[in-house]
C-alpha cells in the first residue's frame, strides 16, 4: 500500500483517495494517515460469518471516497461475488505467486516444495474466483537452493513493490497490457 501511494505523484494518472482495512490496528492505516491519505477501518470480526453485512459497512467509506480503481494490498478477506461485481474491471489485487500457480495461501512454501526454479508475484484484475482474473503483470525471482518460505517471501515482496506501482500507472492510464519484470 505504501509503495502504491508513494508512486501516485507528479504525472501519475491516479491519486490515493482512501486506505481501508478490515483490521482497525493495521499498520497501513497509520502509515496512510502519516502520508495524508484518508483512512477507514471496518472490523470484520463483529460480523461473524455475515460477509454481506461486513461488506455493506465497508462499502460506505469506499463509496464516499468515490474511487475509480480499487487496489487490494494485503487485504486478506475473500470478497463476495456481489462486492466484486460492483467494481468489475476496476479492482486490482497482487498475489505472491506466478498465477495461475499457487492461488490461496502458503505460496512460497508450495513453490519450494514443488522444486520450482523461480517464483514471483502477479497483479491481476479481481474476479469472483479466488486469485483469478486477467493477469496485468508479473515479476519473477529465482528460488535459491537454501531458500525458506521467509527468505523467498522477502525477495518477492521487493518485486511486489516494483510491479504493483508499474501496473497501476498503466492501468490508470487505460493500458491493460501486462507488465513483465
N, C-alpha and C. Protein backbone atom coordinates (compact mmCIF):
# COMPACT_ATOMS: atom_id res chain seq x y z
N UNK A 1 0.82 -1.18 0.00
CA UNK A 1 0.00 0.00 0.00
C UNK A 1 0.86 1.25 0.00
N UNK A 2 1.90 1.24 0.81
CA UNK A 2 2.78 2.41 0.87
C UNK A 2 3.45 2.64 -0.48
N UNK A 3 3.95 1.58 -1.10
CA UNK A 3 4.61 1.72 -2.40
C UNK A 3 3.62 2.28 -3.44
N UNK A 4 2.39 1.83 -3.40
CA UNK A 4 1.38 2.36 -4.33
C UNK A 4 1.13 3.83 -4.09
N UNK A 5 0.87 4.19 -2.83
CA UNK A 5 0.55 5.58 -2.50
C UNK A 5 1.73 6.50 -2.83
N UNK A 6 2.94 6.05 -2.51
CA UNK A 6 4.12 6.88 -2.80
C UNK A 6 4.33 7.06 -4.30
N UNK A 7 3.91 6.09 -5.08
CA UNK A 7 4.11 6.19 -6.54
C UNK A 7 3.15 7.17 -7.20
N UNK A 8 2.05 7.46 -6.57
CA UNK A 8 1.00 8.29 -7.19
C UNK A 8 1.26 9.77 -6.97
N UNK A 9 2.32 10.24 -7.61
CA UNK A 9 2.72 11.64 -7.52
C UNK A 9 3.05 12.15 -8.92
N UNK A 10 3.24 13.43 -9.02
CA UNK A 10 3.67 14.02 -10.29
C UNK A 10 2.71 13.72 -11.41
N UNK A 11 3.22 13.14 -12.50
CA UNK A 11 2.39 12.90 -13.67
C UNK A 11 1.62 11.58 -13.61
N UNK A 12 1.62 10.93 -12.47
CA UNK A 12 0.88 9.67 -12.33
C UNK A 12 -0.60 9.95 -12.55
N UNK A 13 -1.30 9.11 -13.31
CA UNK A 13 -2.71 9.36 -13.61
C UNK A 13 -3.68 9.04 -12.48
N UNK A 14 -3.18 8.60 -11.33
CA UNK A 14 -4.06 8.27 -10.19
C UNK A 14 -3.56 8.95 -8.92
N UNK A 15 -4.47 9.09 -7.98
CA UNK A 15 -4.15 9.62 -6.64
C UNK A 15 -4.86 8.76 -5.61
N UNK A 16 -4.24 8.52 -4.47
CA UNK A 16 -4.92 7.73 -3.43
C UNK A 16 -6.03 8.56 -2.78
N UNK A 17 -7.23 7.98 -2.67
CA UNK A 17 -8.34 8.69 -2.04
C UNK A 17 -8.77 8.06 -0.73
N UNK A 18 -8.33 6.82 -0.46
CA UNK A 18 -8.72 6.14 0.77
C UNK A 18 -7.86 4.90 0.95
N UNK A 19 -7.47 4.64 2.18
CA UNK A 19 -6.90 3.36 2.57
C UNK A 19 -7.87 2.77 3.58
N UNK A 20 -8.43 1.61 3.25
CA UNK A 20 -9.40 0.96 4.11
C UNK A 20 -8.86 -0.40 4.55
N UNK A 21 -9.24 -0.81 5.74
CA UNK A 21 -8.80 -2.08 6.27
C UNK A 21 -9.91 -2.74 7.06
N UNK A 22 -9.86 -4.06 7.12
CA UNK A 22 -10.77 -4.81 7.98
C UNK A 22 -10.17 -5.02 9.37
N UNK A 23 -8.97 -4.47 9.60
CA UNK A 23 -8.29 -4.57 10.89
C UNK A 23 -8.00 -3.16 11.40
N UNK A 24 -8.72 -2.71 12.44
CA UNK A 24 -8.51 -1.35 12.94
C UNK A 24 -7.09 -1.09 13.43
N UNK A 25 -6.31 -2.15 13.72
CA UNK A 25 -4.94 -2.00 14.20
C UNK A 25 -3.90 -2.18 13.09
N UNK A 26 -4.31 -2.26 11.86
CA UNK A 26 -3.38 -2.48 10.75
C UNK A 26 -2.37 -1.34 10.67
N UNK A 27 -1.10 -1.70 10.52
CA UNK A 27 -0.03 -0.70 10.41
C UNK A 27 -0.24 0.24 9.24
N UNK A 28 -0.83 -0.25 8.17
CA UNK A 28 -1.04 0.55 6.98
C UNK A 28 -1.92 1.76 7.22
N UNK A 29 -2.83 1.67 8.17
CA UNK A 29 -3.70 2.81 8.46
C UNK A 29 -2.90 3.99 9.00
N UNK A 30 -2.00 3.71 9.94
CA UNK A 30 -1.16 4.78 10.50
C UNK A 30 -0.22 5.33 9.43
N UNK A 31 0.31 4.46 8.58
CA UNK A 31 1.21 4.91 7.52
C UNK A 31 0.48 5.79 6.52
N UNK A 32 -0.74 5.39 6.16
CA UNK A 32 -1.54 6.20 5.23
C UNK A 32 -1.87 7.55 5.85
N UNK A 33 -2.24 7.54 7.10
CA UNK A 33 -2.57 8.79 7.79
C UNK A 33 -1.36 9.73 7.79
N UNK A 34 -0.19 9.18 8.05
CA UNK A 34 1.04 9.98 8.05
C UNK A 34 1.34 10.55 6.67
N UNK A 35 0.86 9.88 5.63
CA UNK A 35 1.05 10.35 4.25
C UNK A 35 -0.05 11.32 3.82
N UNK A 36 -1.02 11.55 4.71
CA UNK A 36 -2.12 12.44 4.37
C UNK A 36 -3.24 11.80 3.57
N UNK A 37 -3.28 10.46 3.54
CA UNK A 37 -4.31 9.74 2.83
C UNK A 37 -5.44 9.40 3.81
N UNK A 38 -6.68 9.71 3.49
CA UNK A 38 -7.79 9.36 4.38
C UNK A 38 -7.85 7.85 4.63
N UNK A 39 -8.32 7.47 5.80
CA UNK A 39 -8.37 6.06 6.17
C UNK A 39 -9.76 5.70 6.70
N UNK A 40 -10.04 4.41 6.67
CA UNK A 40 -11.25 3.85 7.26
C UNK A 40 -10.96 2.43 7.69
N UNK A 41 -11.54 2.04 8.81
CA UNK A 41 -11.40 0.66 9.28
C UNK A 41 -12.78 0.12 9.61
N UNK A 42 -13.08 -1.04 9.07
CA UNK A 42 -14.31 -1.75 9.37
C UNK A 42 -13.90 -3.14 9.83
N UNK A 43 -13.96 -3.36 11.12
CA UNK A 43 -13.56 -4.64 11.71
C UNK A 43 -14.54 -5.72 11.28
N UNK A 44 -14.03 -6.76 10.66
CA UNK A 44 -14.89 -7.84 10.19
C UNK A 44 -15.37 -8.75 11.32
N UNK A 45 -14.65 -8.79 12.43
CA UNK A 45 -14.93 -9.76 13.49
C UNK A 45 -16.34 -9.64 14.09
N UNK A 46 -16.86 -8.43 14.35
CA UNK A 46 -18.21 -8.37 14.91
C UNK A 46 -19.30 -8.94 13.98
N UNK A 47 -18.98 -9.10 12.71
CA UNK A 47 -19.96 -9.60 11.75
C UNK A 47 -20.01 -11.12 11.71
N UNK A 48 -19.07 -11.79 12.39
CA UNK A 48 -19.06 -13.25 12.37
C UNK A 48 -18.98 -13.75 10.94
N UNK A 49 -19.91 -14.59 10.56
CA UNK A 49 -19.93 -15.13 9.21
C UNK A 49 -20.76 -14.31 8.24
N UNK A 50 -21.24 -13.15 8.66
CA UNK A 50 -22.09 -12.32 7.81
C UNK A 50 -21.20 -11.47 6.88
N UNK A 51 -20.71 -12.09 5.83
CA UNK A 51 -19.82 -11.38 4.90
C UNK A 51 -20.53 -10.24 4.20
N UNK A 52 -21.79 -10.44 3.83
CA UNK A 52 -22.54 -9.38 3.16
C UNK A 52 -22.73 -8.18 4.08
N UNK A 53 -22.97 -8.43 5.36
CA UNK A 53 -23.11 -7.34 6.33
C UNK A 53 -21.81 -6.56 6.49
N UNK A 54 -20.70 -7.29 6.59
CA UNK A 54 -19.39 -6.64 6.67
C UNK A 54 -19.14 -5.79 5.43
N UNK A 55 -19.39 -6.36 4.26
CA UNK A 55 -19.13 -5.64 3.01
C UNK A 55 -20.03 -4.41 2.87
N UNK A 56 -21.26 -4.48 3.37
CA UNK A 56 -22.14 -3.31 3.31
C UNK A 56 -21.54 -2.16 4.11
N UNK A 57 -20.95 -2.46 5.25
CA UNK A 57 -20.30 -1.42 6.06
C UNK A 57 -19.02 -0.93 5.40
N UNK A 58 -18.27 -1.85 4.80
CA UNK A 58 -17.04 -1.49 4.12
C UNK A 58 -17.33 -0.59 2.90
N UNK A 59 -18.42 -0.84 2.25
CA UNK A 59 -18.79 -0.04 1.08
C UNK A 59 -19.03 1.43 1.42
N UNK A 60 -19.50 1.71 2.61
CA UNK A 60 -19.84 3.10 2.96
C UNK A 60 -18.65 4.04 2.78
N UNK A 61 -17.50 3.80 3.42
CA UNK A 61 -16.38 4.72 3.20
C UNK A 61 -15.80 4.64 1.79
N UNK A 62 -15.87 3.46 1.17
CA UNK A 62 -15.35 3.33 -0.19
C UNK A 62 -16.19 4.18 -1.15
N UNK A 63 -17.48 4.04 -1.09
CA UNK A 63 -18.34 4.81 -1.99
C UNK A 63 -18.25 6.30 -1.71
N UNK A 64 -18.10 6.67 -0.44
CA UNK A 64 -17.96 8.09 -0.10
C UNK A 64 -16.69 8.68 -0.70
N UNK A 65 -15.63 7.87 -0.82
CA UNK A 65 -14.36 8.33 -1.39
C UNK A 65 -14.39 8.41 -2.91
N UNK A 66 -15.35 7.76 -3.54
CA UNK A 66 -15.53 7.77 -5.00
C UNK A 66 -14.29 7.35 -5.78
N UNK A 67 -13.73 6.18 -5.46
CA UNK A 67 -12.53 5.74 -6.20
C UNK A 67 -12.87 5.30 -7.62
N UNK A 68 -11.94 5.51 -8.51
CA UNK A 68 -12.07 4.99 -9.86
C UNK A 68 -11.54 3.55 -9.93
N UNK A 69 -10.53 3.26 -9.10
CA UNK A 69 -9.89 1.96 -9.07
C UNK A 69 -9.75 1.53 -7.62
N UNK A 70 -9.98 0.25 -7.35
CA UNK A 70 -9.76 -0.33 -6.03
C UNK A 70 -8.50 -1.19 -6.14
N UNK A 71 -7.52 -0.93 -5.29
CA UNK A 71 -6.29 -1.73 -5.25
C UNK A 71 -6.23 -2.49 -3.94
N UNK A 72 -6.33 -3.79 -4.01
CA UNK A 72 -6.19 -4.62 -2.82
C UNK A 72 -4.71 -4.85 -2.59
N UNK A 73 -4.30 -4.65 -1.35
CA UNK A 73 -2.89 -4.85 -0.99
C UNK A 73 -2.85 -5.33 0.45
N UNK A 74 -2.70 -6.61 0.64
CA UNK A 74 -2.68 -7.16 1.99
C UNK A 74 -4.06 -7.31 2.60
N UNK A 75 -5.10 -7.22 1.80
CA UNK A 75 -6.46 -7.40 2.28
C UNK A 75 -6.76 -8.89 2.23
N UNK A 76 -6.76 -9.53 3.39
CA UNK A 76 -6.81 -10.99 3.46
C UNK A 76 -8.21 -11.53 3.73
N UNK A 77 -9.21 -10.92 3.13
CA UNK A 77 -10.59 -11.40 3.25
C UNK A 77 -11.09 -11.74 1.85
N UNK A 78 -11.80 -12.85 1.74
CA UNK A 78 -12.40 -13.21 0.47
C UNK A 78 -13.66 -12.37 0.31
N UNK A 79 -13.76 -11.67 -0.79
CA UNK A 79 -14.90 -10.81 -1.07
C UNK A 79 -15.98 -11.59 -1.81
N UNK A 80 -17.23 -11.25 -1.53
CA UNK A 80 -18.33 -11.96 -2.17
C UNK A 80 -18.42 -11.58 -3.65
N UNK A 81 -19.03 -12.45 -4.45
CA UNK A 81 -19.20 -12.12 -5.87
C UNK A 81 -19.96 -10.80 -6.08
N UNK A 82 -20.95 -10.51 -5.25
CA UNK A 82 -21.69 -9.25 -5.42
C UNK A 82 -20.79 -8.04 -5.21
N UNK A 83 -19.91 -8.09 -4.21
CA UNK A 83 -18.99 -6.98 -3.96
C UNK A 83 -18.05 -6.82 -5.15
N UNK A 84 -17.49 -7.93 -5.60
CA UNK A 84 -16.53 -7.89 -6.71
C UNK A 84 -17.20 -7.37 -7.98
N UNK A 85 -18.39 -7.83 -8.26
CA UNK A 85 -19.08 -7.41 -9.49
C UNK A 85 -19.35 -5.91 -9.49
N UNK A 86 -19.56 -5.32 -8.31
CA UNK A 86 -19.82 -3.88 -8.21
C UNK A 86 -18.65 -3.07 -8.80
N UNK A 87 -17.43 -3.61 -8.67
CA UNK A 87 -16.23 -2.91 -9.14
C UNK A 87 -15.57 -3.64 -10.31
N UNK A 88 -16.36 -4.39 -11.05
CA UNK A 88 -15.83 -5.18 -12.16
C UNK A 88 -14.98 -4.33 -13.11
N UNK A 89 -13.80 -4.83 -13.40
CA UNK A 89 -12.89 -4.13 -14.30
C UNK A 89 -12.18 -2.96 -13.66
N UNK A 90 -12.42 -2.73 -12.36
CA UNK A 90 -11.80 -1.59 -11.67
C UNK A 90 -11.13 -2.00 -10.37
N UNK A 91 -11.01 -3.31 -10.11
CA UNK A 91 -10.39 -3.78 -8.87
C UNK A 91 -9.18 -4.65 -9.18
N UNK A 92 -8.05 -4.27 -8.59
CA UNK A 92 -6.80 -4.99 -8.79
C UNK A 92 -6.37 -5.66 -7.49
N UNK A 93 -5.59 -6.71 -7.64
CA UNK A 93 -5.01 -7.40 -6.48
C UNK A 93 -3.60 -7.84 -6.84
N UNK A 94 -2.77 -7.96 -5.82
CA UNK A 94 -1.45 -8.54 -6.01
C UNK A 94 -1.39 -9.84 -5.22
N UNK A 95 -0.80 -10.84 -5.84
CA UNK A 95 -0.71 -12.17 -5.23
C UNK A 95 0.75 -12.63 -5.29
N UNK A 96 1.25 -13.22 -4.20
CA UNK A 96 2.67 -13.60 -4.16
C UNK A 96 2.99 -14.95 -4.80
N UNK A 97 2.53 -15.13 -6.02
CA UNK A 97 2.96 -16.28 -6.82
C UNK A 97 2.81 -15.91 -8.28
N UNK A 98 3.34 -16.75 -9.12
CA UNK A 98 3.18 -16.58 -10.57
C UNK A 98 1.89 -17.30 -10.96
N UNK A 99 0.78 -16.59 -10.81
CA UNK A 99 -0.51 -17.19 -11.15
C UNK A 99 -0.49 -17.63 -12.60
N UNK A 100 -1.12 -18.72 -12.93
CA UNK A 100 -2.12 -19.43 -12.15
C UNK A 100 -1.58 -20.40 -11.11
N UNK A 101 -0.26 -20.47 -10.95
CA UNK A 101 0.31 -21.34 -9.93
C UNK A 101 0.04 -20.81 -8.53
N UNK A 102 -0.36 -21.66 -7.64
CA UNK A 102 -0.46 -21.42 -6.20
C UNK A 102 -1.41 -20.30 -5.80
N UNK A 103 -2.65 -20.36 -6.22
CA UNK A 103 -3.62 -19.42 -5.64
C UNK A 103 -3.80 -19.73 -4.16
N UNK A 104 -4.30 -18.78 -3.41
CA UNK A 104 -4.54 -19.01 -1.99
C UNK A 104 -3.31 -18.74 -1.15
N UNK A 105 -3.20 -19.46 -0.05
CA UNK A 105 -2.18 -19.21 0.95
C UNK A 105 -0.95 -20.10 0.78
N UNK A 106 0.09 -19.80 1.56
CA UNK A 106 1.33 -20.60 1.64
C UNK A 106 2.02 -20.75 0.29
N UNK A 107 2.00 -19.69 -0.49
CA UNK A 107 2.52 -19.76 -1.86
C UNK A 107 4.01 -20.07 -1.90
N UNK A 108 4.79 -19.47 -1.01
CA UNK A 108 6.24 -19.65 -1.06
C UNK A 108 6.63 -21.06 -0.66
N UNK A 109 6.01 -21.59 0.38
CA UNK A 109 6.29 -22.96 0.80
C UNK A 109 5.89 -23.93 -0.30
N UNK A 110 4.81 -23.67 -0.97
CA UNK A 110 4.35 -24.55 -2.04
C UNK A 110 5.31 -24.52 -3.22
N UNK A 111 5.83 -23.36 -3.56
CA UNK A 111 6.79 -23.26 -4.68
C UNK A 111 8.08 -24.01 -4.35
N UNK A 112 8.55 -23.86 -3.11
CA UNK A 112 9.77 -24.56 -2.69
C UNK A 112 9.54 -26.06 -2.69
N UNK A 113 8.41 -26.50 -2.12
CA UNK A 113 8.11 -27.94 -2.06
C UNK A 113 7.99 -28.56 -3.44
N UNK A 114 7.51 -27.78 -4.40
CA UNK A 114 7.36 -28.29 -5.77
C UNK A 114 8.68 -28.33 -6.52
N UNK A 115 9.73 -27.73 -5.94
CA UNK A 115 11.03 -27.70 -6.62
C UNK A 115 11.09 -26.67 -7.74
N UNK A 116 10.24 -25.66 -7.67
CA UNK A 116 10.25 -24.62 -8.70
C UNK A 116 11.59 -23.89 -8.72
N UNK A 117 12.04 -23.51 -9.90
CA UNK A 117 13.31 -22.77 -10.01
C UNK A 117 13.08 -21.27 -9.96
N UNK A 118 11.82 -20.84 -10.11
CA UNK A 118 11.51 -19.42 -9.96
C UNK A 118 10.14 -19.26 -9.32
N UNK A 119 9.99 -18.11 -8.70
CA UNK A 119 8.73 -17.73 -8.07
C UNK A 119 8.51 -16.26 -8.43
N UNK A 120 7.56 -15.64 -7.80
CA UNK A 120 7.33 -14.23 -8.09
C UNK A 120 5.99 -13.76 -7.61
N UNK A 121 5.47 -12.75 -8.28
CA UNK A 121 4.20 -12.16 -7.90
C UNK A 121 3.43 -11.78 -9.15
N UNK A 122 2.11 -11.63 -8.97
CA UNK A 122 1.21 -11.34 -10.08
C UNK A 122 0.23 -10.26 -9.66
N UNK A 123 0.03 -9.27 -10.50
CA UNK A 123 -1.07 -8.33 -10.34
C UNK A 123 -2.14 -8.75 -11.34
N UNK A 124 -3.38 -8.85 -10.85
CA UNK A 124 -4.48 -9.28 -11.71
C UNK A 124 -5.74 -8.50 -11.40
N UNK A 125 -6.64 -8.48 -12.36
CA UNK A 125 -7.96 -7.94 -12.11
C UNK A 125 -8.69 -8.92 -11.21
N UNK A 126 -9.45 -8.40 -10.27
CA UNK A 126 -10.19 -9.26 -9.34
C UNK A 126 -11.49 -9.71 -10.01
N UNK A 127 -11.75 -11.00 -9.89
CA UNK A 127 -13.00 -11.60 -10.34
C UNK A 127 -13.59 -12.35 -9.14
N UNK A 128 -14.80 -12.86 -9.28
CA UNK A 128 -15.36 -13.60 -8.14
C UNK A 128 -14.59 -14.85 -7.75
N UNK A 129 -13.74 -15.37 -8.62
CA UNK A 129 -12.95 -16.55 -8.28
C UNK A 129 -11.66 -16.12 -7.58
N UNK A 130 -11.24 -16.87 -6.58
CA UNK A 130 -10.07 -16.55 -5.78
C UNK A 130 -8.80 -16.53 -6.63
N UNK A 131 -8.06 -15.41 -6.55
CA UNK A 131 -6.78 -15.26 -7.23
C UNK A 131 -6.86 -15.63 -8.70
N UNK A 132 -7.90 -15.13 -9.33
CA UNK A 132 -8.18 -15.39 -10.73
C UNK A 132 -8.33 -14.04 -11.42
N UNK A 133 -8.59 -14.05 -12.67
CA UNK A 133 -8.80 -12.80 -13.41
C UNK A 133 -7.65 -12.50 -14.33
N UNK A 134 -7.87 -11.61 -15.28
CA UNK A 134 -6.83 -11.28 -16.25
C UNK A 134 -5.55 -10.81 -15.57
N UNK A 135 -4.44 -11.37 -16.01
CA UNK A 135 -3.13 -11.01 -15.46
C UNK A 135 -2.68 -9.70 -16.09
N UNK A 136 -2.33 -8.75 -15.22
CA UNK A 136 -1.88 -7.43 -15.66
C UNK A 136 -0.38 -7.23 -15.50
N UNK A 137 0.27 -8.14 -14.79
CA UNK A 137 1.71 -8.04 -14.64
C UNK A 137 2.26 -9.15 -13.78
N UNK A 138 3.51 -9.49 -14.04
CA UNK A 138 4.21 -10.48 -13.23
C UNK A 138 5.68 -10.07 -13.10
N UNK A 139 6.23 -10.39 -11.95
CA UNK A 139 7.66 -10.20 -11.69
C UNK A 139 8.20 -11.51 -11.14
N UNK A 140 9.40 -11.85 -11.55
CA UNK A 140 9.98 -13.15 -11.20
C UNK A 140 11.24 -12.98 -10.35
N UNK A 141 11.45 -13.97 -9.49
CA UNK A 141 12.69 -14.08 -8.73
C UNK A 141 13.11 -15.54 -8.75
N UNK A 142 14.43 -15.80 -8.66
CA UNK A 142 14.86 -17.20 -8.61
C UNK A 142 14.55 -17.80 -7.23
N UNK A 143 14.27 -19.09 -7.22
CA UNK A 143 14.19 -19.83 -5.96
C UNK A 143 15.58 -20.39 -5.74
N UNK A 144 16.21 -19.97 -4.66
CA UNK A 144 17.58 -20.38 -4.35
C UNK A 144 17.60 -21.69 -3.59
N UNK A 145 18.69 -22.46 -3.70
CA UNK A 145 18.74 -23.77 -3.05
C UNK A 145 18.51 -23.73 -1.54
N UNK A 146 18.93 -22.66 -0.87
CA UNK A 146 18.77 -22.59 0.59
C UNK A 146 17.57 -21.75 1.01
N UNK A 147 16.66 -21.45 0.09
CA UNK A 147 15.51 -20.63 0.42
C UNK A 147 14.60 -21.30 1.44
N UNK A 148 14.04 -20.48 2.30
CA UNK A 148 12.94 -20.85 3.17
C UNK A 148 11.73 -20.05 2.69
N UNK A 149 10.55 -20.38 3.15
CA UNK A 149 9.41 -19.55 2.76
C UNK A 149 9.62 -18.08 3.13
N UNK A 150 10.29 -17.81 4.25
CA UNK A 150 10.51 -16.42 4.67
C UNK A 150 11.52 -15.69 3.78
N UNK A 151 12.61 -16.35 3.41
CA UNK A 151 13.60 -15.67 2.57
C UNK A 151 13.05 -15.43 1.17
N UNK A 152 12.30 -16.41 0.66
CA UNK A 152 11.69 -16.24 -0.65
C UNK A 152 10.63 -15.14 -0.60
N UNK A 153 9.84 -15.11 0.46
CA UNK A 153 8.81 -14.07 0.61
C UNK A 153 9.43 -12.67 0.62
N UNK A 154 10.57 -12.53 1.27
CA UNK A 154 11.22 -11.21 1.34
C UNK A 154 11.66 -10.74 -0.04
N UNK A 155 12.21 -11.64 -0.85
CA UNK A 155 12.62 -11.26 -2.20
C UNK A 155 11.42 -10.95 -3.09
N UNK A 156 10.37 -11.74 -2.95
CA UNK A 156 9.17 -11.50 -3.75
C UNK A 156 8.55 -10.16 -3.35
N UNK A 157 8.53 -9.84 -2.06
CA UNK A 157 7.95 -8.57 -1.61
C UNK A 157 8.64 -7.38 -2.26
N UNK A 158 9.95 -7.44 -2.39
CA UNK A 158 10.67 -6.36 -3.06
C UNK A 158 10.19 -6.18 -4.50
N UNK A 159 9.93 -7.28 -5.17
CA UNK A 159 9.42 -7.21 -6.56
C UNK A 159 7.98 -6.71 -6.60
N UNK A 160 7.19 -7.07 -5.57
CA UNK A 160 5.81 -6.56 -5.49
C UNK A 160 5.81 -5.04 -5.45
N UNK A 161 6.77 -4.48 -4.70
CA UNK A 161 6.85 -3.02 -4.56
C UNK A 161 7.24 -2.33 -5.87
N UNK A 162 7.84 -3.05 -6.78
CA UNK A 162 8.14 -2.53 -8.12
C UNK A 162 6.97 -2.76 -9.07
N UNK A 163 6.44 -3.97 -9.04
CA UNK A 163 5.43 -4.37 -10.02
C UNK A 163 4.10 -3.65 -9.85
N UNK A 164 3.56 -3.63 -8.64
CA UNK A 164 2.22 -3.09 -8.45
C UNK A 164 2.14 -1.62 -8.86
N UNK A 165 3.08 -0.76 -8.45
CA UNK A 165 3.01 0.63 -8.93
C UNK A 165 3.10 0.74 -10.45
N UNK A 166 3.93 -0.09 -11.08
CA UNK A 166 4.07 -0.03 -12.54
C UNK A 166 2.76 -0.43 -13.22
N UNK A 167 2.12 -1.48 -12.71
CA UNK A 167 0.86 -1.92 -13.29
C UNK A 167 -0.22 -0.86 -13.05
N UNK A 168 -0.29 -0.32 -11.84
CA UNK A 168 -1.31 0.69 -11.55
C UNK A 168 -1.18 1.90 -12.47
N UNK A 169 0.03 2.36 -12.70
CA UNK A 169 0.24 3.52 -13.57
C UNK A 169 -0.34 3.23 -14.96
N UNK A 170 -0.01 2.07 -15.52
CA UNK A 170 -0.51 1.73 -16.86
C UNK A 170 -2.02 1.54 -16.86
N UNK A 171 -2.53 0.85 -15.84
CA UNK A 171 -3.96 0.57 -15.76
C UNK A 171 -4.75 1.88 -15.64
N UNK A 172 -4.29 2.79 -14.79
CA UNK A 172 -4.97 4.07 -14.60
C UNK A 172 -4.96 4.91 -15.89
N UNK A 173 -3.96 4.69 -16.72
CA UNK A 173 -3.87 5.40 -17.99
C UNK A 173 -4.66 4.70 -19.11
N UNK A 174 -5.31 3.58 -18.75
CA UNK A 174 -6.13 2.89 -19.74
C UNK A 174 -5.41 1.78 -20.48
N UNK A 175 -4.22 1.43 -20.05
CA UNK A 175 -3.43 0.39 -20.73
C UNK A 175 -3.45 -0.87 -19.88
N UNK A 176 -4.05 -1.92 -20.40
CA UNK A 176 -4.16 -3.19 -19.66
C UNK A 176 -3.15 -4.23 -20.16
N UNK A 177 -2.21 -3.81 -20.98
CA UNK A 177 -1.18 -4.75 -21.45
C UNK A 177 -0.34 -5.17 -20.25
N UNK A 178 -0.01 -6.44 -20.14
CA UNK A 178 0.75 -6.92 -18.98
C UNK A 178 2.13 -6.29 -18.87
N UNK A 179 2.51 -6.01 -17.64
CA UNK A 179 3.87 -5.55 -17.30
C UNK A 179 4.64 -6.78 -16.86
N UNK A 180 5.75 -7.05 -17.48
CA UNK A 180 6.57 -8.21 -17.13
C UNK A 180 7.95 -7.73 -16.73
N UNK A 181 8.30 -7.94 -15.45
CA UNK A 181 9.62 -7.52 -14.97
C UNK A 181 10.29 -8.64 -14.22
